[in-house]
Amino acid sequence: MELEEITEFIDNKIKEDSNKIIVSFFELKVKKGLTNEMLLSTTNLMAIKLSNMGYKVYRTGQKYIYKNEEHIIESNVLLVAIK
């Protein structure tokens, strides 16, 4: 994905819920048709952008706490960003 597409994707996610952003494997791999290499670079760019916007970013397999509940990011989710 190009930077413009990434920005638009993140902006749309923020419109849905500005406190918690979830990026799924299905959205990027299936809907966008990204290769594994593109998937990795795209999620890295998303993580950097979201971090710069003040979000804490978590990836597949990591634990995070949201609304006083502990969650583990499952394999179908590539990243979660919490404000």
N, C-alpha and C. Protein backbone atom coordinates (compact mmCIF):
# COMPACT_ATOMS: atom_id res chain seq x y z
N MET A 1 0.84 -1.18 0.00
CA MET A 1 0.00 0.00 0.00
C MET A 1 0.88 1.23 0.00
N GLU A 2 0.44 2.24 -0.71
CA GLU A 2 1.14 3.51 -0.72
C GLU A 2 0.77 4.29 0.55
N LEU A 3 1.59 5.30 0.86
CA LEU A 3 1.35 6.10 2.08
C LEU A 3 -0.03 6.73 2.08
N GLU A 4 -0.48 7.21 0.93
CA GLU A 4 -1.82 7.82 0.85
C GLU A 4 -2.90 6.82 1.23
N GLU A 5 -2.77 5.59 0.73
CA GLU A 5 -3.73 4.54 1.04
C GLU A 5 -3.71 4.18 2.53
N ILE A 6 -2.52 4.14 3.09
CA ILE A 6 -2.38 3.83 4.52
C ILE A 6 -3.04 4.92 5.36
N THR A 7 -2.79 6.18 5.00
CA THR A 7 -3.39 7.30 5.72
C THR A 7 -4.91 7.24 5.64
N GLU A 8 -5.43 6.98 4.45
CA GLU A 8 -6.88 6.89 4.26
C GLU A 8 -7.46 5.72 5.07
N PHE A 9 -6.77 4.58 5.06
CA PHE A 9 -7.20 3.40 5.81
C PHE A 9 -7.27 3.73 7.30
N ILE A 10 -6.21 4.35 7.82
CA ILE A 10 -6.17 4.70 9.25
C ILE A 10 -7.24 5.73 9.58
N ASP A 11 -7.40 6.74 8.73
CA ASP A 11 -8.43 7.76 8.96
C ASP A 11 -9.82 7.13 9.05
N ASN A 12 -10.10 6.17 8.17
CA ASN A 12 -11.39 5.49 8.20
C ASN A 12 -11.56 4.68 9.48
N LYS A 13 -10.49 4.05 9.94
CA LYS A 13 -10.53 3.30 11.20
C LYS A 13 -10.79 4.23 12.38
N ILE A 14 -10.16 5.40 12.36
CA ILE A 14 -10.34 6.38 13.44
C ILE A 14 -11.78 6.87 13.47
N LYS A 15 -12.41 7.03 12.30
CA LYS A 15 -13.81 7.44 12.25
C LYS A 15 -14.72 6.39 12.89
N GLU A 16 -14.36 5.11 12.72
CA GLU A 16 -15.13 4.02 13.33
C GLU A 16 -15.01 4.04 14.85
N ASP A 17 -13.79 4.17 15.35
CA ASP A 17 -13.52 4.19 16.80
C ASP A 17 -12.15 4.81 17.01
N SER A 18 -12.11 6.00 17.55
CA SER A 18 -10.84 6.70 17.71
C SER A 18 -10.03 6.20 18.90
N ASN A 19 -10.64 5.41 19.79
CA ASN A 19 -9.93 4.93 20.97
C ASN A 19 -9.24 3.59 20.76
N LYS A 20 -9.80 2.76 19.88
CA LYS A 20 -9.25 1.43 19.64
C LYS A 20 -9.34 1.11 18.15
N ILE A 21 -8.18 0.91 17.54
CA ILE A 21 -8.12 0.60 16.11
C ILE A 21 -7.65 -0.84 15.96
N ILE A 22 -8.40 -1.61 15.20
CA ILE A 22 -8.05 -3.01 14.96
C ILE A 22 -7.84 -3.21 13.47
N VAL A 23 -6.68 -3.75 13.11
CA VAL A 23 -6.37 -4.05 11.72
C VAL A 23 -6.27 -5.56 11.59
N SER A 24 -7.17 -6.13 10.80
CA SER A 24 -7.21 -7.59 10.68
C SER A 24 -6.42 -8.09 9.47
N PHE A 25 -6.04 -9.34 9.56
CA PHE A 25 -5.37 -10.04 8.46
C PHE A 25 -6.28 -10.02 7.22
N PHE A 26 -7.55 -10.27 7.42
CA PHE A 26 -8.51 -10.32 6.32
C PHE A 26 -8.56 -9.00 5.54
N GLU A 27 -8.58 -7.89 6.27
CA GLU A 27 -8.66 -6.58 5.62
C GLU A 27 -7.49 -6.32 4.68
N LEU A 28 -6.30 -6.68 5.11
CA LEU A 28 -5.11 -6.37 4.32
C LEU A 28 -4.75 -7.47 3.32
N LYS A 29 -4.81 -8.71 3.75
CA LYS A 29 -4.38 -9.81 2.89
C LYS A 29 -5.44 -10.15 1.84
N VAL A 30 -6.67 -10.27 2.27
CA VAL A 30 -7.73 -10.71 1.36
C VAL A 30 -8.35 -9.54 0.60
N LYS A 31 -8.86 -8.54 1.34
CA LYS A 31 -9.53 -7.42 0.68
C LYS A 31 -8.58 -6.57 -0.16
N LYS A 32 -7.39 -6.29 0.38
CA LYS A 32 -6.42 -5.45 -0.33
C LYS A 32 -5.49 -6.26 -1.22
N GLY A 33 -5.43 -7.57 -1.02
CA GLY A 33 -4.60 -8.45 -1.84
C GLY A 33 -3.11 -8.25 -1.68
N LEU A 34 -2.67 -7.92 -0.48
CA LEU A 34 -1.25 -7.68 -0.24
C LEU A 34 -0.46 -8.98 -0.16
N THR A 35 0.75 -8.96 -0.68
CA THR A 35 1.65 -10.10 -0.53
C THR A 35 2.16 -10.11 0.90
N ASN A 36 2.84 -11.19 1.30
CA ASN A 36 3.38 -11.25 2.66
C ASN A 36 4.38 -10.13 2.93
N GLU A 37 5.24 -9.84 1.94
CA GLU A 37 6.21 -8.74 2.09
C GLU A 37 5.50 -7.41 2.25
N MET A 38 4.51 -7.17 1.40
CA MET A 38 3.75 -5.91 1.47
C MET A 38 2.98 -5.81 2.78
N LEU A 39 2.49 -6.94 3.25
CA LEU A 39 1.76 -6.99 4.50
C LEU A 39 2.64 -6.53 5.66
N LEU A 40 3.86 -7.05 5.70
CA LEU A 40 4.80 -6.70 6.76
C LEU A 40 5.17 -5.22 6.70
N SER A 41 5.51 -4.72 5.52
CA SER A 41 5.91 -3.32 5.41
C SER A 41 4.72 -2.39 5.69
N THR A 42 3.54 -2.77 5.26
CA THR A 42 2.35 -1.94 5.50
C THR A 42 2.03 -1.86 6.98
N THR A 43 2.06 -3.00 7.68
CA THR A 43 1.75 -2.96 9.11
C THR A 43 2.83 -2.20 9.88
N ASN A 44 4.08 -2.29 9.44
CA ASN A 44 5.14 -1.50 10.08
C ASN A 44 4.89 -0.01 9.90
N LEU A 45 4.52 0.41 8.68
CA LEU A 45 4.23 1.82 8.44
C LEU A 45 3.01 2.28 9.23
N MET A 46 2.00 1.43 9.32
CA MET A 46 0.81 1.76 10.11
C MET A 46 1.18 1.93 11.58
N ALA A 47 2.00 1.03 12.08
CA ALA A 47 2.42 1.09 13.49
C ALA A 47 3.17 2.38 13.78
N ILE A 48 4.06 2.77 12.87
CA ILE A 48 4.82 4.01 13.05
C ILE A 48 3.88 5.21 13.04
N LYS A 49 2.99 5.25 12.07
CA LYS A 49 2.05 6.38 11.96
C LYS A 49 1.17 6.48 13.20
N LEU A 50 0.63 5.34 13.63
CA LEU A 50 -0.24 5.35 14.81
C LEU A 50 0.53 5.72 16.07
N SER A 51 1.75 5.26 16.21
CA SER A 51 2.59 5.65 17.36
C SER A 51 2.82 7.14 17.37
N ASN A 52 3.10 7.70 16.20
CA ASN A 52 3.31 9.15 16.09
C ASN A 52 2.05 9.94 16.41
N MET A 53 0.90 9.30 16.26
CA MET A 53 -0.37 9.95 16.57
C MET A 53 -0.77 9.77 18.03
N GLY A 54 0.10 9.14 18.82
CA GLY A 54 -0.16 8.99 20.25
C GLY A 54 -0.81 7.67 20.65
N TYR A 55 -0.88 6.73 19.75
CA TYR A 55 -1.45 5.42 20.06
C TYR A 55 -0.36 4.48 20.56
N LYS A 56 -0.75 3.55 21.42
CA LYS A 56 0.13 2.43 21.80
C LYS A 56 -0.25 1.29 20.87
N VAL A 57 0.75 0.74 20.20
CA VAL A 57 0.48 -0.27 19.18
C VAL A 57 0.93 -1.65 19.66
N TYR A 58 0.05 -2.63 19.46
CA TYR A 58 0.31 -4.00 19.84
C TYR A 58 0.12 -4.89 18.61
N ARG A 59 0.90 -5.97 18.56
CA ARG A 59 0.85 -6.88 17.41
C ARG A 59 0.39 -8.26 17.82
N THR A 60 0.20 -9.11 16.83
CA THR A 60 -0.29 -10.48 17.03
C THR A 60 0.48 -11.17 18.16
N GLY A 61 -0.28 -11.76 19.09
CA GLY A 61 0.31 -12.50 20.19
C GLY A 61 0.60 -11.67 21.43
N GLN A 62 0.58 -10.35 21.31
CA GLN A 62 0.88 -9.51 22.47
C GLN A 62 -0.36 -9.32 23.34
N LYS A 63 -0.13 -8.99 24.60
CA LYS A 63 -1.20 -8.70 25.54
C LYS A 63 -1.33 -7.19 25.70
N TYR A 64 -2.56 -6.75 25.91
CA TYR A 64 -2.80 -5.34 26.20
C TYR A 64 -4.02 -5.22 27.10
N ILE A 65 -4.12 -4.08 27.77
CA ILE A 65 -5.26 -3.85 28.65
C ILE A 65 -6.10 -2.72 28.06
N TYR A 66 -7.38 -2.97 27.93
CA TYR A 66 -8.31 -1.98 27.40
C TYR A 66 -9.56 -2.01 28.26
N LYS A 67 -9.94 -0.87 28.81
CA LYS A 67 -11.10 -0.76 29.70
C LYS A 67 -11.02 -1.78 30.84
N ASN A 68 -9.83 -1.82 31.46
CA ASN A 68 -9.56 -2.68 32.61
C ASN A 68 -9.69 -4.17 32.34
N GLU A 69 -9.64 -4.57 31.08
CA GLU A 69 -9.67 -5.99 30.73
C GLU A 69 -8.42 -6.33 29.93
N GLU A 70 -7.81 -7.49 30.26
CA GLU A 70 -6.64 -7.94 29.52
C GLU A 70 -7.08 -8.71 28.28
N HIS A 71 -6.44 -8.39 27.16
CA HIS A 71 -6.73 -9.05 25.89
C HIS A 71 -5.43 -9.57 25.29
N ILE A 72 -5.54 -10.61 24.49
CA ILE A 72 -4.41 -11.12 23.72
C ILE A 72 -4.79 -11.01 22.25
N ILE A 73 -3.89 -10.46 21.45
CA ILE A 73 -4.18 -10.29 20.03
C ILE A 73 -4.07 -11.65 19.34
N GLU A 74 -5.16 -12.08 18.76
CA GLU A 74 -5.22 -13.39 18.11
C GLU A 74 -4.58 -13.36 16.73
N SER A 75 -4.38 -14.51 16.14
CA SER A 75 -3.65 -14.63 14.89
C SER A 75 -4.35 -13.97 13.70
N ASN A 76 -5.65 -13.74 13.78
CA ASN A 76 -6.35 -13.10 12.67
C ASN A 76 -6.28 -11.57 12.74
N VAL A 77 -5.65 -11.04 13.77
CA VAL A 77 -5.49 -9.59 13.93
C VAL A 77 -3.99 -9.26 13.83
N LEU A 78 -3.67 -8.30 12.98
CA LEU A 78 -2.27 -7.92 12.77
C LEU A 78 -1.80 -6.88 13.76
N LEU A 79 -2.66 -5.92 14.07
CA LEU A 79 -2.28 -4.94 15.09
C LEU A 79 -3.49 -4.28 15.69
N VAL A 80 -3.31 -3.83 16.94
CA VAL A 80 -4.32 -3.08 17.67
C VAL A 80 -3.63 -1.83 18.19
N ALA A 81 -4.30 -0.70 18.02
CA ALA A 81 -3.76 0.57 18.52
C ALA A 81 -4.74 1.15 19.52
N ILE A 82 -4.24 1.51 20.69
CA ILE A 82 -5.06 2.03 21.78
C ILE A 82 -4.63 3.47 22.06
N LYS A 83 -5.60 4.36 22.17
CA LYS A 83 -5.34 5.78 22.46
C LYS A 83 -5.13 5.94 23.94
